[in-house]
């Protein structure tokens, strides 16, 4: 379903976008670097979700069959399918970013468990 695909894609993007914002951003050497990275990631995910929403409302072309996807999903033939994908992308993206934030913020504790 588009919702499940959106969650998966969003979680991956939220998780990997957090790192560059937190560790390479302008606040990288401050106490609040991880929080700034989280908020920056959420901001970018909102912008990407708006872009997905605009694409969904532009009457996108029919999915084309290819070698890797010989039978494209029928869900992406409609505006509703793309809308479900976009909303799930935002939910999954925020979840992935928050997961990365908590792992980074509690790195010392996690490292203590594994030696």
PDB file of N, CA and C in Angstrom:
ATOM      1  N   UNK A   1       0.838  -1.184   0.000  1.00  0.00           N
ATOM      2  CA  UNK A   1       0.000   0.000   0.000  1.00  0.00           C
ATOM      3  C   UNK A   1       0.883   1.246   0.000  1.00  0.00           C
ATOM      4  N   UNK A   2       0.373   2.351  -0.490  1.00  0.00           N
ATOM      5  CA  UNK A   2       1.169   3.580  -0.499  1.00  0.00           C
ATOM      6  C   UNK A   2       1.519   4.062   0.905  1.00  0.00           C
ATOM      7  N   UNK A   3       0.634   3.810   1.871  1.00  0.00           N
ATOM      8  CA  UNK A   3       0.920   4.273   3.229  1.00  0.00           C
ATOM      9  C   UNK A   3       2.133   3.546   3.800  1.00  0.00           C
ATOM     10  N   UNK A   4       2.178   2.245   3.616  1.00  0.00           N
ATOM     11  CA  UNK A   4       3.307   1.466   4.129  1.00  0.00           C
ATOM     12  C   UNK A   4       4.604   1.833   3.415  1.00  0.00           C
ATOM     13  N   UNK A   5       4.521   2.039   2.123  1.00  0.00           N
ATOM     14  CA  UNK A   5       5.712   2.463   1.370  1.00  0.00           C
ATOM     15  C   UNK A   5       6.184   3.835   1.828  1.00  0.00           C
ATOM     16  N   UNK A   6       5.244   4.731   2.059  1.00  0.00           N
ATOM     17  CA  UNK A   6       5.602   6.064   2.529  1.00  0.00           C
ATOM     18  C   UNK A   6       6.261   6.036   3.894  1.00  0.00           C
ATOM     19  N   UNK A   7       5.753   5.181   4.788  1.00  0.00           N
ATOM     20  CA  UNK A   7       6.379   5.048   6.107  1.00  0.00           C
ATOM     21  C   UNK A   7       7.818   4.570   5.981  1.00  0.00           C
ATOM     22  N   UNK A   8       8.026   3.559   5.161  1.00  0.00           N
ATOM     23  CA  UNK A   8       9.371   2.995   5.011  1.00  0.00           C
ATOM     24  C   UNK A   8      10.337   4.005   4.402  1.00  0.00           C
ATOM     25  N   UNK A   9       9.925   4.654   3.344  1.00  0.00           N
ATOM     26  CA  UNK A   9      10.788   5.644   2.692  1.00  0.00           C
ATOM     27  C   UNK A   9      11.028   6.829   3.625  1.00  0.00           C
ATOM     28  N   UNK A  10       9.995   7.262   4.324  1.00  0.00           N
ATOM     29  CA  UNK A  10      10.134   8.375   5.257  1.00  0.00           C
ATOM     30  C   UNK A  10      11.070   8.060   6.408  1.00  0.00           C
ATOM     31  N   UNK A  11      10.956   6.850   6.973  1.00  0.00           N
ATOM     32  CA  UNK A  11      11.840   6.481   8.084  1.00  0.00           C
ATOM     33  C   UNK A  11      13.296   6.487   7.648  1.00  0.00           C
ATOM     34  N   UNK A  12      13.555   5.953   6.475  1.00  0.00           N
ATOM     35  CA  UNK A  12      14.937   5.932   5.985  1.00  0.00           C
ATOM     36  C   UNK A  12      15.458   7.350   5.777  1.00  0.00           C
ATOM     37  N   UNK A  13      14.651   8.202   5.166  1.00  0.00           N
ATOM     38  CA  UNK A  13      15.099   9.571   4.916  1.00  0.00           C
ATOM     39  C   UNK A  13      15.278  10.359   6.212  1.00  0.00           C
ATOM     40  N   UNK A  14      14.348  10.242   7.132  1.00  0.00           N
ATOM     41  CA  UNK A  14      14.477  10.953   8.400  1.00  0.00           C
ATOM     42  C   UNK A  14      15.709  10.527   9.166  1.00  0.00           C
ATOM     43  N   UNK A  15      16.015   9.232   9.123  1.00  0.00           N
ATOM     44  CA  UNK A  15      17.161   8.707   9.862  1.00  0.00           C
ATOM     45  C   UNK A  15      18.474   9.206   9.272  1.00  0.00           C
ATOM     46  N   UNK A  16      18.616   9.139   7.939  1.00  0.00           N
ATOM     47  CA  UNK A  16      19.917   9.507   7.366  1.00  0.00           C
ATOM     48  C   UNK A  16      20.082  11.005   7.162  1.00  0.00           C
ATOM     49  N   UNK A  17      19.019  11.766   7.095  1.00  0.00           N
ATOM     50  CA  UNK A  17      19.153  13.218   6.949  1.00  0.00           C
ATOM     51  C   UNK A  17      19.557  13.864   8.280  1.00  0.00           C
ATOM     52  N   UNK A  18      19.219  13.228   9.393  1.00  0.00           N
ATOM     53  CA  UNK A  18      19.550  13.785  10.711  1.00  0.00           C
ATOM     54  C   UNK A  18      21.054  13.975  10.890  1.00  0.00           C
ATOM     55  N   UNK A  19      21.842  13.015  10.490  1.00  0.00           N
ATOM     56  CA  UNK A  19      23.290  13.045  10.722  1.00  0.00           C
ATOM     57  C   UNK A  19      23.990  14.273  10.169  1.00  0.00           C
ATOM     58  N   UNK A  20      23.835  14.580   8.885  1.00  0.00           N
ATOM     59  CA  UNK A  20      24.506  15.772   8.357  1.00  0.00           C
ATOM     60  C   UNK A  20      24.068  17.072   9.023  1.00  0.00           C
ATOM     61  N   UNK A  21      22.794  17.188   9.363  1.00  0.00           N
ATOM     62  CA  UNK A  21      22.340  18.405  10.034  1.00  0.00           C
ATOM     63  C   UNK A  21      22.926  18.518  11.437  1.00  0.00           C
ATOM     64  N   UNK A  22      23.005  17.406  12.157  1.00  0.00           N
ATOM     65  CA  UNK A  22      23.484  17.452  13.540  1.00  0.00           C
ATOM     66  C   UNK A  22      24.996  17.567  13.621  1.00  0.00           C
ATOM     67  N   UNK A  23      25.712  16.864  12.762  1.00  0.00           N
ATOM     68  CA  UNK A  23      27.168  16.792  12.893  1.00  0.00           C
ATOM     69  C   UNK A  23      27.925  17.745  11.968  1.00  0.00           C
ATOM     70  N   UNK A  24      27.276  18.247  10.927  1.00  0.00           N
ATOM     71  CA  UNK A  24      27.949  19.147   9.990  1.00  0.00           C
ATOM     72  C   UNK A  24      27.298  20.523   9.907  1.00  0.00           C
ATOM     73  N   UNK A  25      26.222  20.739  10.660  1.00  0.00           N
ATOM     74  CA  UNK A  25      25.501  22.007  10.611  1.00  0.00           C
ATOM     75  C   UNK A  25      26.242  23.125  11.317  1.00  0.00           C
ATOM     76  N   UNK A  26      25.731  24.336  11.233  1.00  0.00           N
ATOM     77  CA  UNK A  26      26.409  25.484  11.840  1.00  0.00           C
ATOM     78  C   UNK A  26      26.468  25.425  13.369  1.00  0.00           C
ATOM     79  N   UNK A  27      25.626  24.635  14.005  1.00  0.00           N
ATOM     80  CA  UNK A  27      25.640  24.519  15.466  1.00  0.00           C
ATOM     81  C   UNK A  27      26.324  23.234  15.930  1.00  0.00           C
ATOM     82  N   UNK A  28      27.204  22.685  15.107  1.00  0.00           N
ATOM     83  CA  UNK A  28      27.792  21.371  15.394  1.00  0.00           C
ATOM     84  C   UNK A  28      28.636  21.325  16.658  1.00  0.00           C
ATOM     85  N   UNK A  29      29.215  22.417  17.084  1.00  0.00           N
ATOM     86  CA  UNK A  29      30.080  22.416  18.266  1.00  0.00           C
ATOM     87  C   UNK A  29      29.392  22.984  19.500  1.00  0.00           C
ATOM     88  N   UNK A  30      28.077  22.950  19.517  1.00  0.00           N
ATOM     89  CA  UNK A  30      27.337  23.478  20.659  1.00  0.00           C
ATOM     90  C   UNK A  30      26.653  22.341  21.411  1.00  0.00           C
ATOM     91  N   UNK A  31      26.119  22.676  22.561  1.00  0.00           N
ATOM     92  CA  UNK A  31      25.422  21.682  23.381  1.00  0.00           C
ATOM     93  C   UNK A  31      24.138  21.215  22.692  1.00  0.00           C
ATOM     94  N   UNK A  32      23.502  22.106  21.972  1.00  0.00           N
ATOM     95  CA  UNK A  32      22.214  21.805  21.349  1.00  0.00           C
ATOM     96  C   UNK A  32      22.335  21.366  19.899  1.00  0.00           C
ATOM     97  N   UNK A  33      23.468  20.842  19.494  1.00  0.00           N
ATOM     98  CA  UNK A  33      23.671  20.458  18.097  1.00  0.00           C
ATOM     99  C   UNK A  33      22.690  19.373  17.666  1.00  0.00           C
ATOM    100  N   UNK A  34      22.453  18.390  18.524  1.00  0.00           N
ATOM    101  CA  UNK A  34      21.545  17.303  18.159  1.00  0.00           C
ATOM    102  C   UNK A  34      20.105  17.796  18.037  1.00  0.00           C
ATOM    103  N   UNK A  35      19.694  18.667  18.942  1.00  0.00           N
ATOM    104  CA  UNK A  35      18.342  19.219  18.865  1.00  0.00           C
ATOM    105  C   UNK A  35      18.179  20.083  17.613  1.00  0.00           C
ATOM    106  N   UNK A  36      19.197  20.868  17.289  1.00  0.00           N
ATOM    107  CA  UNK A  36      19.148  21.680  16.065  1.00  0.00           C
ATOM    108  C   UNK A  36      19.085  20.783  14.835  1.00  0.00           C
ATOM    109  N   UNK A  37      19.822  19.678  14.856  1.00  0.00           N
ATOM    110  CA  UNK A  37      19.770  18.725  13.751  1.00  0.00           C
ATOM    111  C   UNK A  37      18.399  18.099  13.610  1.00  0.00           C
ATOM    112  N   UNK A  38      17.770  17.771  14.743  1.00  0.00           N
ATOM    113  CA  UNK A  38      16.423  17.194  14.706  1.00  0.00           C
ATOM    114  C   UNK A  38      15.427  18.182  14.120  1.00  0.00           C
ATOM    115  N   UNK A  39      15.460  19.420  14.590  1.00  0.00           N
ATOM    116  CA  UNK A  39      14.512  20.423  14.094  1.00  0.00           C
ATOM    117  C   UNK A  39      14.756  20.749  12.624  1.00  0.00           C
ATOM    118  N   UNK A  40      16.014  20.772  12.206  1.00  0.00           N
ATOM    119  CA  UNK A  40      16.330  21.021  10.797  1.00  0.00           C
ATOM    120  C   UNK A  40      15.838  19.874   9.923  1.00  0.00           C
ATOM    121  N   UNK A  41      16.002  18.664  10.410  1.00  0.00           N
ATOM    122  CA  UNK A  41      15.535  17.495   9.664  1.00  0.00           C
ATOM    123  C   UNK A  41      14.024  17.520   9.513  1.00  0.00           C
ATOM    124  N   UNK A  42      13.320  17.834  10.587  1.00  0.00           N
ATOM    125  CA  UNK A  42      11.861  17.903  10.512  1.00  0.00           C
ATOM    126  C   UNK A  42      11.430  19.000   9.546  1.00  0.00           C
ATOM    127  N   UNK A  43      12.123  20.132   9.550  1.00  0.00           N
ATOM    128  CA  UNK A  43      11.811  21.204   8.604  1.00  0.00           C
ATOM    129  C   UNK A  43      11.985  20.763   7.164  1.00  0.00           C
ATOM    130  N   UNK A  44      13.082  20.062   6.872  1.00  0.00           N
ATOM    131  CA  UNK A  44      13.300  19.577   5.508  1.00  0.00           C
ATOM    132  C   UNK A  44      12.259  18.534   5.127  1.00  0.00           C
ATOM    133  N   UNK A  45      11.877  17.671   6.059  1.00  0.00           N
ATOM    134  CA  UNK A  45      10.851  16.668   5.769  1.00  0.00           C
ATOM    135  C   UNK A  45       9.507  17.322   5.464  1.00  0.00           C
ATOM    136  N   UNK A  46       9.191  18.409   6.149  1.00  0.00           N
ATOM    137  CA  UNK A  46       7.948  19.133   5.852  1.00  0.00           C
ATOM    138  C   UNK A  46       8.009  19.712   4.442  1.00  0.00           C
ATOM    139  N   UNK A  47       9.150  20.272   4.066  1.00  0.00           N
ATOM    140  CA  UNK A  47       9.307  20.814   2.711  1.00  0.00           C
ATOM    141  C   UNK A  47       9.170  19.702   1.673  1.00  0.00           C
ATOM    142  N   UNK A  48       9.786  18.548   1.927  1.00  0.00           N
ATOM    143  CA  UNK A  48       9.678  17.425   0.994  1.00  0.00           C
ATOM    144  C   UNK A  48       8.247  16.905   0.905  1.00  0.00           C
ATOM    145  N   UNK A  49       7.524  16.914   2.020  1.00  0.00           N
ATOM    146  CA  UNK A  49       6.129  16.478   2.003  1.00  0.00           C
ATOM    147  C   UNK A  49       5.268  17.449   1.205  1.00  0.00           C
ATOM    148  N   UNK A  50       5.543  18.727   1.314  1.00  0.00           N
ATOM    149  CA  UNK A  50       4.822  19.714   0.504  1.00  0.00           C
ATOM    150  C   UNK A  50       5.103  19.479  -0.975  1.00  0.00           C
ATOM    151  N   UNK A  51       6.356  19.163  -1.307  1.00  0.00           N
ATOM    152  CA  UNK A  51       6.697  18.868  -2.699  1.00  0.00           C
ATOM    153  C   UNK A  51       5.957  17.624  -3.190  1.00  0.00           C
ATOM    154  N   UNK A  52       5.858  16.593  -2.354  1.00  0.00           N
ATOM    155  CA  UNK A  52       5.101  15.397  -2.735  1.00  0.00           C
ATOM    156  C   UNK A  52       3.622  15.723  -2.929  1.00  0.00           C
ATOM    157  N   UNK A  53       3.089  16.585  -2.085  1.00  0.00           N
ATOM    158  CA  UNK A  53       1.691  16.983  -2.210  1.00  0.00           C
ATOM    159  C   UNK A  53       1.452  17.753  -3.508  1.00  0.00           C
ATOM    160  N   UNK A  54       2.373  18.640  -3.842  1.00  0.00           N
ATOM    161  CA  UNK A  54       2.250  19.369  -5.111  1.00  0.00           C
ATOM    162  C   UNK A  54       2.320  18.419  -6.298  1.00  0.00           C
ATOM    163  N   UNK A  55       3.208  17.428  -6.222  1.00  0.00           N
ATOM    164  CA  UNK A  55       3.315  16.445  -7.301  1.00  0.00           C
ATOM    165  C   UNK A  55       2.025  15.638  -7.421  1.00  0.00           C
ATOM    166  N   UNK A  56       1.442  15.264  -6.286  1.00  0.00           N
ATOM    167  CA  UNK A  56       0.202  14.490  -6.309  1.00  0.00           C
ATOM    168  C   UNK A  56      -0.933  15.282  -6.944  1.00  0.00           C
ATOM    169  N   UNK A  57      -0.956  16.590  -6.736  1.00  0.00           N
ATOM    170  CA  UNK A  57      -2.021  17.426  -7.283  1.00  0.00           C
ATOM    171  C   UNK A  57      -1.778  17.859  -8.719  1.00  0.00           C
ATOM    172  N   UNK A  58      -0.643  17.480  -9.296  1.00  0.00           N
ATOM    173  CA  UNK A  58      -0.337  17.888 -10.666  1.00  0.00           C
ATOM    174  C   UNK A  58      -0.757  16.856 -11.702  1.00  0.00           C
ATOM    175  N   UNK A  59      -1.555  15.878 -11.298  1.00  0.00           N
ATOM    176  CA  UNK A  59      -1.967  14.788 -12.185  1.00  0.00           C
ATOM    177  C   UNK A  59      -0.753  14.102 -12.804  1.00  0.00           C
ATOM    178  N   UNK A  60       0.032  13.385 -11.990  1.00  0.00           N
ATOM    179  CA  UNK A  60       1.248  12.750 -12.497  1.00  0.00           C
ATOM    180  C   UNK A  60       0.925  11.687 -13.538  1.00  0.00           C
ATOM    181  N   UNK A  61       1.879  11.402 -14.421  1.00  0.00           N
ATOM    182  CA  UNK A  61       1.638  10.396 -15.454  1.00  0.00           C
ATOM    183  C   UNK A  61       1.514   9.000 -14.847  1.00  0.00           C
ATOM    184  N   UNK A  62       0.953   8.108 -15.624  1.00  0.00           N
ATOM    185  CA  UNK A  62       0.811   6.719 -15.189  1.00  0.00           C
ATOM    186  C   UNK A  62       2.184   6.097 -14.973  1.00  0.00           C
ATOM    187  N   UNK A  63       2.331   5.238 -13.959  1.00  0.00           N
ATOM    188  CA  UNK A  63       3.611   4.554 -13.771  1.00  0.00           C
ATOM    189  C   UNK A  63       3.909   3.653 -14.964  1.00  0.00           C
ATOM    190  N   UNK A  64       5.168   3.611 -15.358  1.00  0.00           N
ATOM    191  CA  UNK A  64       5.586   2.831 -16.515  1.00  0.00           C
ATOM    192  C   UNK A  64       6.209   1.529 -16.026  1.00  0.00           C
ATOM    193  N   UNK A  65       5.841   0.428 -16.655  1.00  0.00           N
ATOM    194  CA  UNK A  65       6.437  -0.864 -16.315  1.00  0.00           C
ATOM    195  C   UNK A  65       7.898  -0.871 -16.746  1.00  0.00           C
ATOM    196  N   UNK A  66       8.743  -1.462 -15.915  1.00  0.00           N
ATOM    197  CA  UNK A  66      10.168  -1.563 -16.228  1.00  0.00           C
ATOM    198  C   UNK A  66      10.654  -2.945 -15.811  1.00  0.00           C
ATOM    199  N   UNK A  67      11.934  -3.176 -15.981  1.00  0.00           N
ATOM    200  CA  UNK A  67      12.497  -4.471 -15.623  1.00  0.00           C
ATOM    201  C   UNK A  67      12.379  -4.710 -14.118  1.00  0.00           C
ATOM    202  N   UNK A  68      12.637  -3.683 -13.323  1.00  0.00           N
ATOM    203  CA  UNK A  68      12.590  -3.845 -11.871  1.00  0.00           C
ATOM    204  C   UNK A  68      11.175  -3.818 -11.311  1.00  0.00           C
ATOM    205  N   UNK A  69      10.234  -3.215 -12.018  1.00  0.00           N
ATOM    206  CA  UNK A  69       8.833  -3.168 -11.579  1.00  0.00           C
ATOM    207  C   UNK A  69       7.937  -3.491 -12.770  1.00  0.00           C
ATOM    208  N   UNK A  70       7.798  -4.791 -13.109  1.00  0.00           N
ATOM    209  CA  UNK A  70       7.012  -5.141 -14.291  1.00  0.00           C
ATOM    210  C   UNK A  70       5.521  -4.835 -14.140  1.00  0.00           C
ATOM    211  N   UNK A  71       5.020  -4.802 -12.911  1.00  0.00           N
ATOM    212  CA  UNK A  71       3.611  -4.498 -12.665  1.00  0.00           C
ATOM    213  C   UNK A  71       3.518  -3.384 -11.625  1.00  0.00           C
ATOM    214  N   UNK A  72       3.548  -2.112 -12.064  1.00  0.00           N
ATOM    215  CA  UNK A  72       3.486  -1.002 -11.102  1.00  0.00           C
ATOM    216  C   UNK A  72       2.193  -1.039 -10.290  1.00  0.00           C
ATOM    217  N   UNK A  73       2.280  -0.576  -9.070  1.00  0.00           N
ATOM    218  CA  UNK A  73       1.132  -0.573  -8.169  1.00  0.00           C
ATOM    219  C   UNK A  73       0.014   0.314  -8.712  1.00  0.00           C
ATOM    220  N   UNK A  74      -1.204  -0.166  -8.563  1.00  0.00           N
ATOM    221  CA  UNK A  74      -2.358   0.629  -8.994  1.00  0.00           C
ATOM    222  C   UNK A  74      -2.596   1.823  -8.083  1.00  0.00           C
ATOM    223  N   UNK A  75      -2.042   1.791  -6.889  1.00  0.00           N
ATOM    224  CA  UNK A  75      -2.278   2.866  -5.926  1.00  0.00           C
ATOM    225  C   UNK A  75      -1.675   4.187  -6.380  1.00  0.00           C
ATOM    226  N   UNK A  76      -0.619   4.131  -7.178  1.00  0.00           N
ATOM    227  CA  UNK A  76       0.026   5.361  -7.623  1.00  0.00           C
ATOM    228  C   UNK A  76      -0.566   5.883  -8.934  1.00  0.00           C
ATOM    229  N   UNK A  77      -1.722   5.359  -9.303  1.00  0.00           N
ATOM    230  CA  UNK A  77      -2.449   5.873 -10.464  1.00  0.00           C
ATOM    231  C   UNK A  77      -3.397   6.995 -10.061  1.00  0.00           C
ATOM    232  N   UNK A  78      -3.593   7.180  -8.755  1.00  0.00           N
ATOM    233  CA  UNK A  78      -4.571   8.159  -8.284  1.00  0.00           C
ATOM    234  C   UNK A  78      -3.916   9.228  -7.410  1.00  0.00           C
ATOM    235  N   UNK A  79      -4.614  10.347  -7.311  1.00  0.00           N
ATOM    236  CA  UNK A  79      -4.151  11.427  -6.437  1.00  0.00           C
ATOM    237  C   UNK A  79      -4.211  10.994  -4.975  1.00  0.00           C
ATOM    238  N   UNK A  80      -5.207  10.191  -4.630  1.00  0.00           N
ATOM    239  CA  UNK A  80      -5.354   9.723  -3.249  1.00  0.00           C
ATOM    240  C   UNK A  80      -4.184   8.832  -2.835  1.00  0.00           C
ATOM    241  N   UNK A  81      -3.720   7.978  -3.746  1.00  0.00           N
ATOM    242  CA  UNK A  81      -2.574   7.129  -3.440  1.00  0.00           C
ATOM    243  C   UNK A  81      -1.323   7.940  -3.163  1.00  0.00           C
ATOM    244  N   UNK A  82      -1.089   8.960  -3.985  1.00  0.00           N
ATOM    245  CA  UNK A  82       0.075   9.824  -3.763  1.00  0.00           C
ATOM    246  C   UNK A  82      -0.074  10.631  -2.482  1.00  0.00           C
ATOM    247  N   UNK A  83      -1.298  11.036  -2.165  1.00  0.00           N
ATOM    248  CA  UNK A  83      -1.536  11.782  -0.934  1.00  0.00           C
ATOM    249  C   UNK A  83      -1.256  10.905   0.290  1.00  0.00           C
ATOM    250  N   UNK A  84      -1.695   9.650   0.243  1.00  0.00           N
ATOM    251  CA  UNK A  84      -1.401   8.717   1.339  1.00  0.00           C
ATOM    252  C   UNK A  84       0.101   8.500   1.478  1.00  0.00           C
ATOM    253  N   UNK A  85       0.784   8.382   0.354  1.00  0.00           N
ATOM    254  CA  UNK A  85       2.236   8.206   0.383  1.00  0.00           C
ATOM    255  C   UNK A  85       2.904   9.412   1.044  1.00  0.00           C
ATOM    256  N   UNK A  86       2.480  10.607   0.668  1.00  0.00           N
ATOM    257  CA  UNK A  86       3.081  11.826   1.216  1.00  0.00           C
ATOM    258  C   UNK A  86       2.854  11.982   2.705  1.00  0.00           C
ATOM    259  N   UNK A  87       1.640  11.709   3.170  1.00  0.00           N
ATOM    260  CA  UNK A  87       1.380  11.844   4.607  1.00  0.00           C
ATOM    261  C   UNK A  87       2.139  10.787   5.403  1.00  0.00           C
ATOM    262  N   UNK A  88       2.232   9.577   4.882  1.00  0.00           N
ATOM    263  CA  UNK A  88       3.006   8.537   5.567  1.00  0.00           C
ATOM    264  C   UNK A  88       4.494   8.859   5.532  1.00  0.00           C
ATOM    265  N   UNK A  89       4.950   9.506   4.465  1.00  0.00           N
ATOM    266  CA  UNK A  89       6.351   9.915   4.374  1.00  0.00           C
ATOM    267  C   UNK A  89       6.695  10.877   5.511  1.00  0.00           C
ATOM    268  N   UNK A  90       5.810  11.818   5.789  1.00  0.00           N
ATOM    269  CA  UNK A  90       6.058  12.771   6.876  1.00  0.00           C
ATOM    270  C   UNK A  90       6.070  12.068   8.234  1.00  0.00           C
ATOM    271  N   UNK A  91       5.109  11.203   8.474  1.00  0.00           N
ATOM    272  CA  UNK A  91       5.045  10.484   9.752  1.00  0.00           C
ATOM    273  C   UNK A  91       6.282   9.609   9.935  1.00  0.00           C
ATOM    274  N   UNK A  92       6.630   8.841   8.906  1.00  0.00           N
ATOM    275  CA  UNK A  92       7.806   7.985   8.991  1.00  0.00           C
ATOM    276  C   UNK A  92       9.091   8.777   9.103  1.00  0.00           C
ATOM    277  N   UNK A  93       9.174   9.885   8.386  1.00  0.00           N
ATOM    278  CA  UNK A  93      10.375  10.712   8.436  1.00  0.00           C
ATOM    279  C   UNK A  93      10.613  11.306   9.808  1.00  0.00           C
ATOM    280  N   UNK A  94       9.562  11.806  10.425  1.00  0.00           N
ATOM    281  CA  UNK A  94       9.708  12.351  11.775  1.00  0.00           C
ATOM    282  C   UNK A  94      10.080  11.236  12.749  1.00  0.00           C
ATOM    283  N   UNK A  95       9.479  10.067  12.584  1.00  0.00           N
ATOM    284  CA  UNK A  95       9.830   8.935  13.440  1.00  0.00           C
ATOM    285  C   UNK A  95      11.280   8.519  13.281  1.00  0.00           C
ATOM    286  N   UNK A  96      11.778   8.478  12.045  1.00  0.00           N
ATOM    287  CA  UNK A  96      13.179   8.137  11.814  1.00  0.00           C
ATOM    288  C   UNK A  96      14.126   9.174  12.377  1.00  0.00           C
ATOM    289  N   UNK A  97      13.774  10.444  12.247  1.00  0.00           N
ATOM    290  CA  UNK A  97      14.621  11.513  12.785  1.00  0.00           C
ATOM    291  C   UNK A  97      14.655  11.482  14.308  1.00  0.00           C
ATOM    292  N   UNK A  98      13.509  11.236  14.929  1.00  0.00           N
ATOM    293  CA  UNK A  98      13.463  11.160  16.390  1.00  0.00           C
ATOM    294  C   UNK A  98      14.258   9.952  16.884  1.00  0.00           C
ATOM    295  N   UNK A  99      14.171   8.832  16.167  1.00  0.00           N
ATOM    296  CA  UNK A  99      14.964   7.653  16.529  1.00  0.00           C
ATOM    297  C   UNK A  99      16.450   7.964  16.461  1.00  0.00           C
ATOM    298  N   UNK A 100      16.880   8.595  15.388  1.00  0.00           N
ATOM    299  CA  UNK A 100      18.297   8.955  15.261  1.00  0.00           C
ATOM    300  C   UNK A 100      18.709   9.936  16.355  1.00  0.00           C
ATOM    301  N   UNK A 101      17.830  10.872  16.693  1.00  0.00           N
ATOM    302  CA  UNK A 101      18.128  11.834  17.762  1.00  0.00           C
ATOM    303  C   UNK A 101      18.322  11.123  19.099  1.00  0.00           C
ATOM    304  N   UNK A 102      17.409  10.216  19.442  1.00  0.00           N
ATOM    305  CA  UNK A 102      17.531   9.518  20.723  1.00  0.00           C
ATOM    306  C   UNK A 102      18.758   8.614  20.762  1.00  0.00           C
ATOM    307  N   UNK A 103      19.089   7.984  19.642  1.00  0.00           N
ATOM    308  CA  UNK A 103      20.305   7.167  19.611  1.00  0.00           C
ATOM    309  C   UNK A 103      21.550   8.027  19.803  1.00  0.00           C
ATOM    310  N   UNK A 104      21.566   9.187  19.179  1.00  0.00           N
ATOM    311  CA  UNK A 104      22.720  10.080  19.304  1.00  0.00           C
ATOM    312  C   UNK A 104      22.790  10.709  20.698  1.00  0.00           C
ATOM    313  N   UNK A 105      21.656  11.135  21.224  1.00  0.00           N
ATOM    314  CA  UNK A 105      21.634  11.785  22.534  1.00  0.00           C
ATOM    315  C   UNK A 105      21.995  10.817  23.660  1.00  0.00           C
ATOM    316  N   UNK A 106      21.695   9.547  23.478  1.00  0.00           N
ATOM    317  CA  UNK A 106      21.962   8.539  24.509  1.00  0.00           C
ATOM    318  C   UNK A 106      23.095   7.607  24.111  1.00  0.00           C
ATOM    319  N   UNK A 107      24.017   8.097  23.313  1.00  0.00           N
ATOM    320  CA  UNK A 107      25.097   7.251  22.811  1.00  0.00           C
ATOM    321  C   UNK A 107      25.965   6.696  23.938  1.00  0.00           C
ATOM    322  N   UNK A 108      26.242   7.499  24.950  1.00  0.00           N
ATOM    323  CA  UNK A 108      27.050   7.034  26.081  1.00  0.00           C
ATOM    324  C   UNK A 108      26.384   5.884  26.819  1.00  0.00           C
ATOM    325  N   UNK A 109      25.090   5.973  27.016  1.00  0.00           N
ATOM    326  CA  UNK A 109      24.344   4.911  27.686  1.00  0.00           C
ATOM    327  C   UNK A 109      24.348   3.630  26.856  1.00  0.00           C
ATOM    328  N   UNK A 110      24.114   3.770  25.561  1.00  0.00           N
ATOM    329  CA  UNK A 110      24.101   2.607  24.671  1.00  0.00           C
ATOM    330  C   UNK A 110      25.484   1.971  24.605  1.00  0.00           C
ATOM    331  N   UNK A 111      26.505   2.794  24.557  1.00  0.00           N
ATOM    332  CA  UNK A 111      27.872   2.285  24.516  1.00  0.00           C
ATOM    333  C   UNK A 111      28.215   1.539  25.809  1.00  0.00           C
ATOM    334  N   UNK A 112      27.661   1.973  26.933  1.00  0.00           N
ATOM    335  CA  UNK A 112      27.883   1.293  28.203  1.00  0.00           C
ATOM    336  C   UNK A 112      27.309  -0.116  28.233  1.00  0.00           C
ATOM    337  N   UNK A 113      26.204  -0.334  27.517  1.00  0.00           N
ATOM    338  CA  UNK A 113      25.611  -1.668  27.456  1.00  0.00           C
ATOM    339  C   UNK A 113      26.486  -2.658  26.697  1.00  0.00           C
ATOM    340  N   UNK A 114      27.158  -2.185  25.664  1.00  0.00           N
ATOM    341  CA  UNK A 114      27.907  -3.078  24.785  1.00  0.00           C
ATOM    342  C   UNK A 114      29.411  -3.034  25.018  1.00  0.00           C
ATOM    343  N   UNK A 115      29.839  -2.388  26.044  1.00  0.00           N
ATOM    344  CA  UNK A 115      31.261  -2.398  26.385  1.00  0.00           C
ATOM    345  C   UNK A 115      31.925  -1.208  25.879  1.00  0.00           C
TER     346      UNK A 115
END
